[in-house]
Amino acid sequence: MMRKRNRLVALGDVASLLLLGLLVCGCGGGGGGGDSTGSPAPASNAAPTAAFTTTPSSGAAPLAVQLDASGSSDRDGSVTTYSWDFGDGSAKGSGSTISHTFSAAGTYTVTLSVADNVGATGSTTRVVSASAPTSQLKVSSIDNGDMSVCAVGLDGGAWCWGPNNFGQLGTGDVAQAFTPRSAAQGYLFRKVSVSTGGAFTCGITTAGLAYCWGNQEGGRLGDGTAAPSGQYTTTPLAVSGGRTFTDIAVGGDHACAIETGGAAYCWGHNERGQLGTGNFANSAVPVAVSGGLTFRSITTHQMVTCGIAEDGSGYCWGNGGEGNLGSGTTSSTNVPVTIKGGLRFSSLQLGLLTACGVTNGAEGYCWGSNGSGELGIGSKTPAVALEPTRVVGGHAWKSISPGVMVTCGVTTDGRGYCWGGNAWGERGDGPFPAPDVTSPVPVVGDLVFDAIDADWCSCGVASSVAYCWGPGAEGCIGDGAKANRGVPTPVAGP
């Protein structure tokens, strides 16, 4: 009897276990049974995380800011839409990167809202501060080389900033300047040009006379002094000969100018034939360029010189090692050689290892080194172009200026574009460092430029205001901040 009751208890336990199993696995049922694998219910979707940077986050109005939301993420999907509220009453924007100009002084809360691939949303905010507009440097032209920058004011006075170790700023001392200082006081200039590595500066006065100041070594000031290394002057010296000039350009250790009437003269170092005299001898006074050509403009950089003849033909001479003479070879020459292609130029400018020109039909061409995409041909191939190659994008160009691994240009409607490298913001298109680009991209800020001059920094003139962008540690931005800038930044006023 006891044995039978134990068996019934055991059977009851089994029944209970079977019932529990049915409840857990959902087995059985009149509809043919459930899924015997026991698949778990799907997890709920996580909201995306919004994140962005502002470059810069403060400055004087009008303040051009680049907003970059590429750091936004979604751990179980992907971010598909980006919506921007700038906090200043303007229309909303979209896209993972976008630029916006805050026109008036104020503190603005910028809101980024993102959505993922199933519709979940997230948002975040950052504050942008635009201060009251400061005094701005009003200029007619600007030129920069090797971190030093000079500009001609609307009244003809010269203003310079940046490194000044050899007196190249013309301020009467060798103090570095992080904002513009009055230069070459007592002179009014038509044009000022800064050396691209030789620490000196030259200018043409409104009367057409040429003056130079800074590093005197090797006769680069053209005043007849073949000075030893380390000798310099912090105030202007008259270039020998008393000629009047219409254009002037300063390279690495040499300078060239166009005399009234069109003859070209050069002085300074001549290791690669950059003086164009048919020999390789340095000269401490201006010497005539060989060939009897008549020029209307001239450009120099390092050990190369190029000019546009009266008929629009382009000529170059000096170091051709990177194909930057445009002659079809890498040979150097101490006399002018024709740029290949039969093009007629309205503008021509040299960079470190690259040259660019604009034709009479507003077409842009570049040649020479292409290691960072500075030719603007849509590719880094070829690595070196030995003759002019068309810049892509279909823009109508006014001028194009190659610099140091970056090239910038201005279209006929005044829009700025840059291409090539962007290690310190010198491309002017926002966040940096950024990958090289091989075709023109817009400079941030919707400014209308008269011209842009590229070197290590890039500087331009828009509505008579000087702007610079790129590496700021040495002072070439001119805003006093000593900071790198990835967007055009107004140069401080006097």
Protein backbone atom coordinates (compact mmCIF):
# COMPACT_ATOMS: atom_id res chain seq x y z
CA MET A 1 0.00 0.00 0.00
CA MET A 2 2.81 2.35 0.88
CA ARG A 3 4.60 1.39 -2.33
CA LYS A 4 1.52 2.22 -4.46
CA ARG A 5 1.10 5.68 -2.84
CA ASN A 6 4.75 6.57 -3.55
CA ARG A 7 4.31 5.59 -7.18
CA LEU A 8 1.27 7.93 -7.47
CA VAL A 9 3.26 10.79 -5.96
CA ALA A 10 6.04 10.15 -8.45
CA LEU A 11 3.58 10.12 -11.35
CA GLY A 12 2.15 13.41 -10.09
CA ASP A 13 5.60 14.93 -10.05
CA VAL A 14 6.19 13.80 -13.65
CA ALA A 15 2.88 15.37 -14.73
CA SER A 16 3.85 18.60 -13.05
CA LEU A 17 7.20 18.62 -14.80
CA LEU A 18 5.54 17.96 -18.17
CA LEU A 19 3.10 20.82 -17.62
CA LEU A 20 5.96 23.16 -16.66
CA GLY A 21 7.83 22.16 -19.82
CA LEU A 22 4.82 22.98 -21.98
CA LEU A 23 4.52 26.39 -20.40
CA VAL A 24 8.20 27.21 -20.89
CA CYS A 25 8.68 26.03 -24.47
CA GLY A 26 5.15 26.72 -25.77
CA CYS A 27 4.93 23.20 -27.17
CA GLY A 28 1.71 21.54 -28.33
CA GLY A 29 -1.49 23.36 -29.20
CA GLY A 30 -4.30 22.66 -31.55
CA GLY A 31 -2.74 24.64 -34.38
CA GLY A 32 -0.03 22.10 -35.01
CA GLY A 33 2.43 23.18 -32.30
CA GLY A 34 4.91 26.07 -31.81
CA ASP A 35 8.59 26.60 -32.72
CA SER A 36 10.49 23.91 -30.88
CA THR A 37 13.77 25.91 -31.13
CA GLY A 38 12.59 28.57 -28.66
CA SER A 39 13.81 31.73 -30.63
CA PRO A 40 14.22 34.81 -28.35
CA ALA A 41 12.18 37.97 -28.93
CA PRO A 42 14.11 40.66 -30.89
CA ALA A 43 15.99 43.31 -28.84
CA SER A 44 14.74 46.91 -29.00
CA ASN A 45 16.62 49.36 -31.32
CA ALA A 46 19.14 51.70 -29.66
CA ALA A 47 18.98 55.40 -30.45
CA PRO A 48 21.91 56.87 -32.43
CA THR A 49 24.47 59.12 -30.74
CA ALA A 50 24.83 62.64 -32.16
CA ALA A 51 28.25 64.32 -31.99
CA PHE A 52 29.89 67.17 -33.89
CA THR A 53 32.77 69.62 -33.90
CA THR A 54 32.84 73.34 -34.70
CA THR A 55 35.83 74.92 -36.44
CA PRO A 56 36.30 77.54 -35.11
CA SER A 57 33.92 77.79 -32.15
CA SER A 58 34.48 81.49 -31.60
CA GLY A 59 35.68 84.60 -33.38
CA ALA A 60 34.63 87.95 -34.70
CA ALA A 61 31.46 88.29 -36.77
CA PRO A 62 30.91 87.56 -39.57
CA LEU A 63 32.15 84.18 -38.36
CA ALA A 64 32.44 81.30 -40.85
CA VAL A 65 32.20 77.96 -39.06
CA GLN A 66 32.63 74.43 -40.38
CA LEU A 67 30.37 71.87 -38.64
CA ASP A 68 31.42 68.22 -38.80
CA ALA A 69 29.09 65.46 -37.56
CA SER A 70 31.10 62.54 -38.94
CA GLY A 71 31.73 61.44 -35.34
CA SER A 72 28.04 60.56 -34.85
CA SER A 73 27.37 56.82 -34.50
CA ASP A 74 24.75 54.10 -34.12
CA ARG A 75 25.82 50.88 -32.36
CA ASP A 76 23.19 48.63 -33.92
CA GLY A 77 22.67 50.29 -37.30
CA SER A 78 23.75 53.39 -39.19
CA VAL A 79 23.11 57.13 -39.08
CA THR A 80 21.19 58.11 -42.20
CA THR A 81 20.10 61.74 -41.75
CA TYR A 82 21.62 64.86 -40.21
CA SER A 83 19.61 68.00 -39.47
CA TRP A 84 21.10 71.28 -38.24
CA ASP A 85 19.49 74.16 -36.38
CA PHE A 86 22.05 76.97 -36.20
CA GLY A 87 20.24 78.90 -33.49
CA ASP A 88 20.34 82.21 -35.37
CA GLY A 89 16.94 82.07 -37.04
CA SER A 90 18.31 81.01 -40.41
CA ALA A 91 17.05 78.06 -42.45
CA LYS A 92 17.99 74.62 -41.21
CA GLY A 93 20.77 72.65 -42.88
CA SER A 94 21.48 69.00 -43.66
CA GLY A 95 24.46 66.74 -44.28
CA SER A 96 27.23 65.27 -42.12
CA THR A 97 29.50 68.28 -42.79
CA ILE A 98 28.25 71.78 -43.48
CA SER A 99 29.49 75.35 -43.23
CA HIS A 100 27.55 78.27 -41.81
CA THR A 101 28.29 81.96 -41.37
CA PHE A 102 27.03 83.73 -38.23
CA SER A 103 26.55 87.26 -39.51
CA ALA A 104 25.94 89.11 -36.26
CA ALA A 105 27.59 89.10 -32.84
CA GLY A 106 25.96 86.75 -30.33
CA THR A 107 26.09 83.40 -28.56
CA TYR A 108 24.36 80.70 -30.58
CA THR A 109 23.31 77.18 -29.57
CA VAL A 110 23.75 74.89 -32.56
CA THR A 111 21.62 71.74 -32.44
CA LEU A 112 22.38 68.58 -34.40
CA SER A 113 19.62 65.96 -34.74
CA VAL A 114 20.39 62.58 -36.30
CA ALA A 115 18.24 59.59 -37.25
CA ASP A 116 19.21 55.98 -37.83
CA ASN A 117 18.10 53.47 -40.43
CA VAL A 118 14.95 52.47 -38.50
CA GLY A 119 13.91 55.98 -37.52
CA ALA A 120 15.30 56.33 -33.99
CA THR A 121 16.71 59.80 -33.25
CA GLY A 122 19.30 61.51 -31.11
CA SER A 123 20.50 65.07 -30.69
CA THR A 124 23.22 67.21 -29.13
CA THR A 125 24.19 70.87 -28.93
CA ARG A 126 27.30 73.03 -28.99
CA VAL A 127 27.73 76.76 -28.44
CA VAL A 128 29.28 79.12 -31.01
CA SER A 129 30.27 82.62 -29.91
CA ALA A 130 30.54 85.42 -32.44
CA SER A 131 32.01 88.58 -30.97
CA ALA A 132 31.48 92.11 -32.20
CA PRO A 133 33.43 92.76 -35.40
CA THR A 134 36.96 93.89 -34.66
CA SER A 135 39.04 96.29 -36.68
CA GLN A 136 39.91 94.56 -39.96
CA LEU A 137 42.88 95.14 -42.20
CA LYS A 138 41.68 96.77 -45.43
CA VAL A 139 44.04 96.06 -48.32
CA SER A 140 44.32 96.12 -52.09
CA SER A 141 46.67 93.11 -52.43
CA ILE A 142 48.37 90.42 -50.35
CA ASP A 143 51.42 88.17 -50.76
CA ASN A 144 52.82 85.47 -48.52
CA GLY A 145 55.88 83.27 -48.47
CA ASP A 146 57.42 80.92 -45.91
CA MET A 147 55.00 82.05 -43.15
CA SER A 148 55.70 85.80 -43.54
CA VAL A 149 52.90 87.84 -45.11
CA CYS A 150 52.72 91.39 -46.43
CA ALA A 151 49.83 93.40 -47.81
CA VAL A 152 49.38 96.78 -49.42
CA GLY A 153 46.78 98.93 -47.68
CA LEU A 154 44.18 100.93 -49.54
CA ASP A 155 46.34 104.02 -49.01
CA GLY A 156 49.49 102.29 -50.35
CA GLY A 157 51.09 101.70 -46.96
CA ALA A 158 52.65 98.27 -46.34
CA TRP A 159 51.57 95.94 -43.52
CA CYS A 160 53.47 92.74 -42.64
CA TRP A 161 53.24 89.93 -40.09
CA GLY A 162 54.79 86.55 -39.28
CA PRO A 163 58.44 85.49 -38.78
CA ASN A 164 60.95 88.34 -38.86
CA ASN A 165 64.30 86.76 -38.05
CA PHE A 166 66.13 88.67 -40.81
CA GLY A 167 64.04 91.84 -40.76
CA GLN A 168 61.91 90.68 -43.71
CA LEU A 169 58.84 92.45 -42.28
CA GLY A 170 60.51 95.83 -42.74
CA THR A 171 59.47 97.05 -39.30
CA GLY A 172 62.89 98.34 -38.25
CA ASP A 173 63.51 95.37 -35.92
CA VAL A 174 63.49 91.56 -35.92
CA ALA A 175 60.50 91.02 -33.61
CA GLN A 176 58.02 88.39 -34.78
CA ALA A 177 54.53 89.76 -35.44
CA PHE A 178 51.28 87.85 -34.85
CA THR A 179 49.16 90.77 -36.05
CA PRO A 180 49.98 93.26 -38.83
CA ARG A 181 52.62 95.91 -38.22
CA SER A 182 53.29 98.97 -40.31
CA ALA A 183 56.18 98.15 -42.66
CA ALA A 184 58.62 100.19 -44.73
CA GLN A 185 57.28 103.37 -43.21
CA GLY A 186 57.55 106.46 -45.38
CA TYR A 187 56.92 104.57 -48.64
CA LEU A 188 53.72 104.00 -50.60
CA PHE A 189 53.57 100.84 -52.67
CA ARG A 190 51.88 99.52 -55.77
CA LYS A 191 52.93 95.94 -54.95
CA VAL A 192 54.89 94.07 -52.27
CA SER A 193 56.26 90.52 -52.68
CA VAL A 194 57.61 88.23 -49.91
CA SER A 195 60.38 85.65 -50.36
CA THR A 196 59.35 81.99 -50.45
CA GLY A 197 62.24 80.90 -48.24
CA GLY A 198 65.00 83.50 -48.38
CA ALA A 199 63.72 85.86 -45.65
CA PHE A 200 63.52 89.08 -47.64
CA THR A 201 60.86 91.29 -49.21
CA CYS A 202 60.71 93.66 -52.17
CA GLY A 203 58.18 96.20 -53.34
CA ILE A 204 57.43 98.68 -56.11
CA THR A 205 56.43 102.14 -54.99
CA THR A 206 53.63 104.12 -56.57
CA ALA A 207 56.38 105.89 -58.55
CA GLY A 208 57.59 102.52 -59.91
CA LEU A 209 60.87 102.36 -57.96
CA ALA A 210 61.96 99.05 -56.42
CA TYR A 211 63.08 98.62 -52.81
CA CYS A 212 64.06 95.50 -50.85
CA TRP A 213 64.74 94.66 -47.20
CA GLY A 214 65.63 91.66 -45.05
CA ASN A 215 68.33 89.05 -45.66
CA GLN A 216 71.15 90.54 -47.78
CA GLU A 217 73.16 87.34 -48.32
CA GLY A 218 74.29 86.70 -51.89
CA GLY A 219 73.01 89.98 -53.32
CA ARG A 220 69.33 89.12 -53.06
CA LEU A 221 68.31 92.71 -52.23
CA GLY A 222 69.69 93.99 -55.55
CA ASP A 223 71.36 97.02 -53.96
CA GLY A 224 74.86 96.04 -55.08
CA THR A 225 75.82 94.42 -51.76
CA ALA A 226 76.95 90.78 -52.06
CA ALA A 227 76.71 90.30 -48.31
CA PRO A 228 77.94 87.28 -46.32
CA SER A 229 75.53 84.90 -44.62
CA GLY A 230 73.73 86.46 -41.66
CA GLN A 231 73.79 90.07 -42.80
CA TYR A 232 70.42 91.81 -43.05
CA THR A 233 68.64 95.15 -43.00
CA THR A 234 65.30 95.92 -41.38
CA THR A 235 64.50 98.97 -43.55
CA PRO A 236 64.17 99.40 -47.33
CA LEU A 237 67.19 99.73 -49.62
CA ALA A 238 66.83 101.01 -53.18
CA VAL A 239 67.43 98.43 -55.91
CA SER A 240 70.39 99.53 -58.01
CA GLY A 241 69.92 101.13 -61.42
CA GLY A 242 67.12 103.60 -60.78
CA ARG A 243 64.80 101.80 -63.22
CA THR A 244 61.04 102.01 -62.92
CA PHE A 245 59.08 98.77 -62.85
CA THR A 246 55.51 97.60 -63.41
CA ASP A 247 55.71 94.20 -61.68
CA ILE A 248 57.96 92.48 -59.14
CA ALA A 249 58.20 88.97 -57.68
CA VAL A 250 60.45 87.46 -55.00
CA GLY A 251 61.50 83.81 -55.07
CA GLY A 252 63.67 81.79 -52.71
CA ASP A 253 66.97 83.67 -52.94
CA HIS A 254 66.34 85.84 -56.02
CA ALA A 255 63.93 88.48 -57.29
CA CYS A 256 62.76 89.62 -60.71
CA ALA A 257 60.91 92.66 -62.03
CA ILE A 258 59.44 93.98 -65.28
CA GLU A 259 60.84 97.33 -66.34
CA THR A 260 58.53 99.94 -67.80
CA GLY A 261 58.59 98.93 -71.45
CA GLY A 262 58.54 95.18 -70.75
CA ALA A 263 62.17 94.08 -70.30
CA ALA A 264 62.73 91.59 -67.47
CA TYR A 265 65.52 92.00 -64.90
CA CYS A 266 66.55 89.64 -62.10
CA TRP A 267 69.07 89.65 -59.22
CA GLY A 268 70.30 87.40 -56.38
CA HIS A 269 71.20 83.72 -56.47
CA ASN A 270 71.48 81.84 -59.77
CA GLU A 271 72.44 78.23 -58.96
CA ARG A 272 69.88 76.78 -61.39
CA GLY A 273 69.75 79.61 -63.89
CA GLN A 274 66.76 81.32 -62.24
CA LEU A 275 68.06 84.76 -63.25
CA GLY A 276 67.70 83.79 -66.92
CA THR A 277 70.96 85.44 -67.96
CA GLY A 278 72.48 82.52 -69.89
CA ASN A 279 74.95 81.75 -67.08
CA PHE A 280 74.88 80.59 -63.45
CA ALA A 281 76.56 83.57 -61.79
CA ASN A 282 74.91 85.34 -58.85
CA SER A 283 74.28 89.05 -59.23
CA ALA A 284 73.88 91.75 -56.56
CA VAL A 285 72.37 94.16 -59.11
CA PRO A 286 69.57 93.71 -61.66
CA VAL A 287 70.70 91.94 -64.85
CA ALA A 288 68.65 91.58 -68.04
CA VAL A 289 66.94 88.27 -68.80
CA SER A 290 68.25 86.79 -72.05
CA GLY A 291 66.27 86.65 -75.26
CA GLY A 292 65.04 90.21 -75.63
CA LEU A 293 61.47 89.23 -74.74
CA THR A 294 58.87 91.79 -73.70
CA PHE A 295 56.90 90.73 -70.62
CA ARG A 296 53.73 91.99 -68.98
CA SER A 297 53.97 89.99 -65.72
CA ILE A 298 56.45 87.83 -63.81
CA THR A 299 56.33 85.20 -61.04
CA THR A 300 59.03 83.44 -58.99
CA HIS A 301 59.38 80.67 -56.39
CA GLN A 302 62.50 79.04 -54.99
CA MET A 303 64.85 78.60 -58.00
CA VAL A 304 62.32 79.11 -60.81
CA THR A 305 61.02 82.15 -62.71
CA CYS A 306 58.16 82.40 -65.21
CA GLY A 307 56.66 85.26 -67.15
CA ILE A 308 53.88 86.11 -69.59
CA ALA A 309 55.08 87.75 -72.80
CA GLU A 310 53.14 90.52 -74.53
CA ASP A 311 51.45 88.02 -76.86
CA GLY A 312 50.28 85.88 -73.90
CA SER A 313 52.88 83.15 -74.38
CA GLY A 314 54.34 81.68 -71.21
CA TYR A 315 58.08 81.30 -70.57
CA CYS A 316 59.97 79.75 -67.65
CA TRP A 317 63.60 79.32 -66.63
CA GLY A 318 65.61 77.89 -63.73
CA ASN A 319 65.23 74.56 -61.94
CA GLY A 320 63.10 72.12 -63.95
CA GLY A 321 63.63 69.05 -61.76
CA GLU A 322 59.91 68.61 -61.00
CA GLY A 323 58.65 69.53 -64.44
CA ASN A 324 57.58 72.94 -63.15
CA LEU A 325 59.01 74.77 -66.17
CA GLY A 326 56.25 73.22 -68.29
CA SER A 327 58.74 72.60 -71.06
CA GLY A 328 58.08 68.88 -71.42
CA THR A 329 61.31 67.85 -69.64
CA THR A 330 62.88 67.87 -66.17
CA SER A 331 65.92 69.74 -67.45
CA SER A 332 66.98 73.07 -65.93
CA THR A 333 67.73 76.07 -68.13
CA ASN A 334 69.40 79.47 -67.65
CA VAL A 335 67.44 81.10 -70.49
CA PRO A 336 63.66 81.39 -71.00
CA VAL A 337 61.96 78.38 -72.64
CA THR A 338 58.39 78.28 -73.91
CA ILE A 339 55.70 76.56 -71.87
CA LYS A 340 54.37 73.73 -74.03
CA GLY A 341 50.87 73.63 -75.47
CA GLY A 342 50.68 76.93 -77.33
CA LEU A 343 48.49 78.43 -74.60
CA ARG A 344 47.94 82.17 -74.18
CA PHE A 345 47.88 83.19 -70.53
CA SER A 346 46.20 86.00 -68.64
CA SER A 347 47.63 84.86 -65.29
CA LEU A 348 50.64 82.75 -64.30
CA GLN A 349 51.90 81.83 -60.83
CA LEU A 350 54.54 79.52 -59.33
CA GLY A 351 54.34 77.37 -56.20
CA LEU A 352 56.98 75.30 -54.42
CA LEU A 353 57.11 72.51 -57.02
CA THR A 354 54.05 73.33 -59.10
CA ALA A 355 53.04 76.04 -61.57
CA CYS A 356 49.57 77.10 -62.70
CA GLY A 357 48.16 79.45 -65.28
CA VAL A 358 44.86 80.78 -66.53
CA THR A 359 44.33 81.21 -70.25
CA ASN A 360 42.66 84.12 -72.01
CA GLY A 361 39.59 81.85 -72.16
CA ALA A 362 39.50 81.46 -68.32
CA GLU A 363 40.67 77.83 -68.45
CA GLY A 364 42.94 76.63 -65.63
CA TYR A 365 46.09 74.58 -66.22
CA CYS A 366 48.73 73.28 -63.81
CA TRP A 367 52.00 71.36 -64.21
CA GLY A 368 54.86 70.04 -62.07
CA SER A 369 54.56 68.03 -58.85
CA ASN A 370 51.27 66.31 -58.02
CA GLY A 371 52.16 64.44 -54.83
CA SER A 372 49.23 65.88 -52.86
CA GLY A 373 46.87 66.36 -55.80
CA GLU A 374 47.90 70.00 -56.20
CA LEU A 375 47.51 69.88 -59.99
CA GLY A 376 43.73 69.62 -59.56
CA ILE A 377 43.35 67.10 -62.37
CA GLY A 378 41.12 64.65 -60.47
CA SER A 379 43.93 62.19 -59.72
CA LYS A 380 47.44 61.94 -58.29
CA THR A 381 48.45 60.28 -61.54
CA PRO A 382 50.73 61.35 -63.07
CA ALA A 383 52.90 62.17 -60.06
CA VAL A 384 54.64 64.82 -62.19
CA ALA A 385 53.17 66.60 -65.20
CA LEU A 386 55.82 67.96 -67.59
CA GLU A 387 53.45 70.27 -69.43
CA PRO A 388 50.16 72.08 -68.71
CA THR A 389 47.24 69.83 -67.71
CA ARG A 390 43.66 71.08 -67.46
CA VAL A 391 42.19 71.61 -63.97
CA VAL A 392 38.95 69.64 -63.64
CA GLY A 393 35.54 70.97 -62.61
CA GLY A 394 34.60 73.18 -65.52
CA HIS A 395 35.17 76.44 -63.62
CA ALA A 396 35.94 79.75 -65.32
CA TRP A 397 39.08 80.97 -63.57
CA LYS A 398 40.41 84.44 -62.83
CA SER A 399 43.64 83.29 -61.15
CA ILE A 400 45.21 80.14 -59.69
CA SER A 401 47.97 80.12 -57.05
CA PRO A 402 49.89 76.94 -56.17
CA GLY A 403 51.59 76.92 -52.78
CA VAL A 404 53.24 74.25 -50.66
CA MET A 405 51.30 71.02 -51.40
CA VAL A 406 48.10 73.03 -51.84
CA THR A 407 46.65 75.11 -54.67
CA CYS A 408 43.95 77.77 -54.48
CA GLY A 409 42.13 79.71 -57.16
CA VAL A 410 39.49 82.35 -57.71
CA THR A 411 36.79 82.03 -60.37
CA THR A 412 35.61 84.87 -62.56
CA ASP A 413 32.66 85.39 -60.19
CA GLY A 414 34.98 85.68 -57.19
CA ARG A 415 34.45 82.27 -55.60
CA GLY A 416 37.41 80.67 -53.84
CA TYR A 417 38.41 77.03 -54.36
CA CYS A 418 41.38 75.01 -53.09
CA TRP A 419 42.73 71.49 -53.62
CA GLY A 420 45.65 69.30 -52.57
CA GLY A 421 46.80 68.78 -48.99
CA ASN A 422 45.19 70.02 -45.79
CA ALA A 423 47.47 69.22 -42.85
CA TRP A 424 46.92 72.54 -41.04
CA GLY A 425 43.76 73.96 -42.61
CA GLU A 426 45.47 75.58 -45.60
CA ARG A 427 42.75 74.30 -47.96
CA GLY A 428 40.16 76.45 -46.20
CA ASP A 429 37.37 73.89 -46.47
CA GLY A 430 36.95 73.11 -42.78
CA PRO A 431 38.14 70.32 -40.48
CA PHE A 432 41.80 69.32 -40.62
CA PRO A 433 43.99 67.37 -40.93
CA ALA A 434 42.03 65.89 -43.78
CA PRO A 435 42.83 63.63 -46.75
CA ASP A 436 44.18 65.16 -49.94
CA VAL A 437 41.68 66.10 -52.62
CA THR A 438 42.54 66.14 -56.31
CA SER A 439 39.85 68.48 -57.61
CA PRO A 440 38.68 71.96 -56.53
CA VAL A 441 36.55 72.21 -53.36
CA PRO A 442 34.89 75.46 -52.18
CA VAL A 443 36.55 77.61 -49.56
CA VAL A 444 34.21 78.01 -46.57
CA GLY A 445 32.37 81.26 -46.00
CA ASP A 446 30.78 82.36 -49.29
CA LEU A 447 33.31 85.18 -49.62
CA VAL A 448 33.83 86.96 -52.92
CA PHE A 449 37.58 87.14 -53.49
CA ASP A 450 39.68 89.44 -55.60
CA ALA A 451 42.60 87.00 -55.31
CA ILE A 452 44.05 84.19 -53.18
CA ASP A 453 47.78 83.61 -52.68
CA ALA A 454 48.83 80.17 -51.43
CA ASP A 455 52.08 79.12 -49.77
CA TRP A 456 52.27 77.42 -46.35
CA CYS A 457 49.33 79.59 -45.37
CA SER A 458 46.68 80.72 -47.81
CA CYS A 459 45.62 84.36 -47.81
CA GLY A 460 43.10 86.29 -49.86
CA VAL A 461 41.39 89.63 -50.28
CA ALA A 462 37.57 89.81 -50.22
CA SER A 463 35.75 93.15 -50.28
CA SER A 464 39.08 94.82 -49.41
CA VAL A 465 39.40 92.73 -46.21
CA ALA A 466 42.44 90.47 -45.71
CA TYR A 467 41.76 86.84 -44.74
CA CYS A 468 44.22 84.01 -43.99
CA TRP A 469 43.93 80.33 -43.09
CA GLY A 470 46.28 77.41 -42.43
CA PRO A 471 49.14 76.98 -39.90
CA GLY A 472 49.06 79.80 -37.37
CA ALA A 473 51.86 78.98 -34.92
CA GLU A 474 54.35 81.26 -36.70
CA GLY A 475 51.88 84.11 -37.08
CA CYS A 476 50.92 84.00 -40.75
CA ILE A 477 47.16 84.06 -39.95
CA GLY A 478 47.57 87.55 -38.54
CA ASP A 479 44.72 87.33 -36.01
CA GLY A 480 46.98 87.17 -32.97
CA ALA A 481 45.74 83.74 -31.89
CA LYS A 482 48.77 81.61 -32.92
CA ALA A 483 46.26 78.89 -33.81
CA ASN A 484 45.77 76.86 -36.98
CA ARG A 485 42.66 77.91 -38.89
CA GLY A 486 40.69 75.72 -41.28
CA VAL A 487 38.47 78.51 -42.59
CA PRO A 488 39.17 82.07 -43.80
CA THR A 489 39.90 84.22 -40.76
CA PRO A 490 39.92 88.03 -40.87
CA VAL A 491 43.38 89.49 -40.35
CA ALA A 492 43.40 91.89 -37.41
CA GLY A 493 43.31 95.58 -38.18
CA PRO A 494 45.95 98.06 -37.07
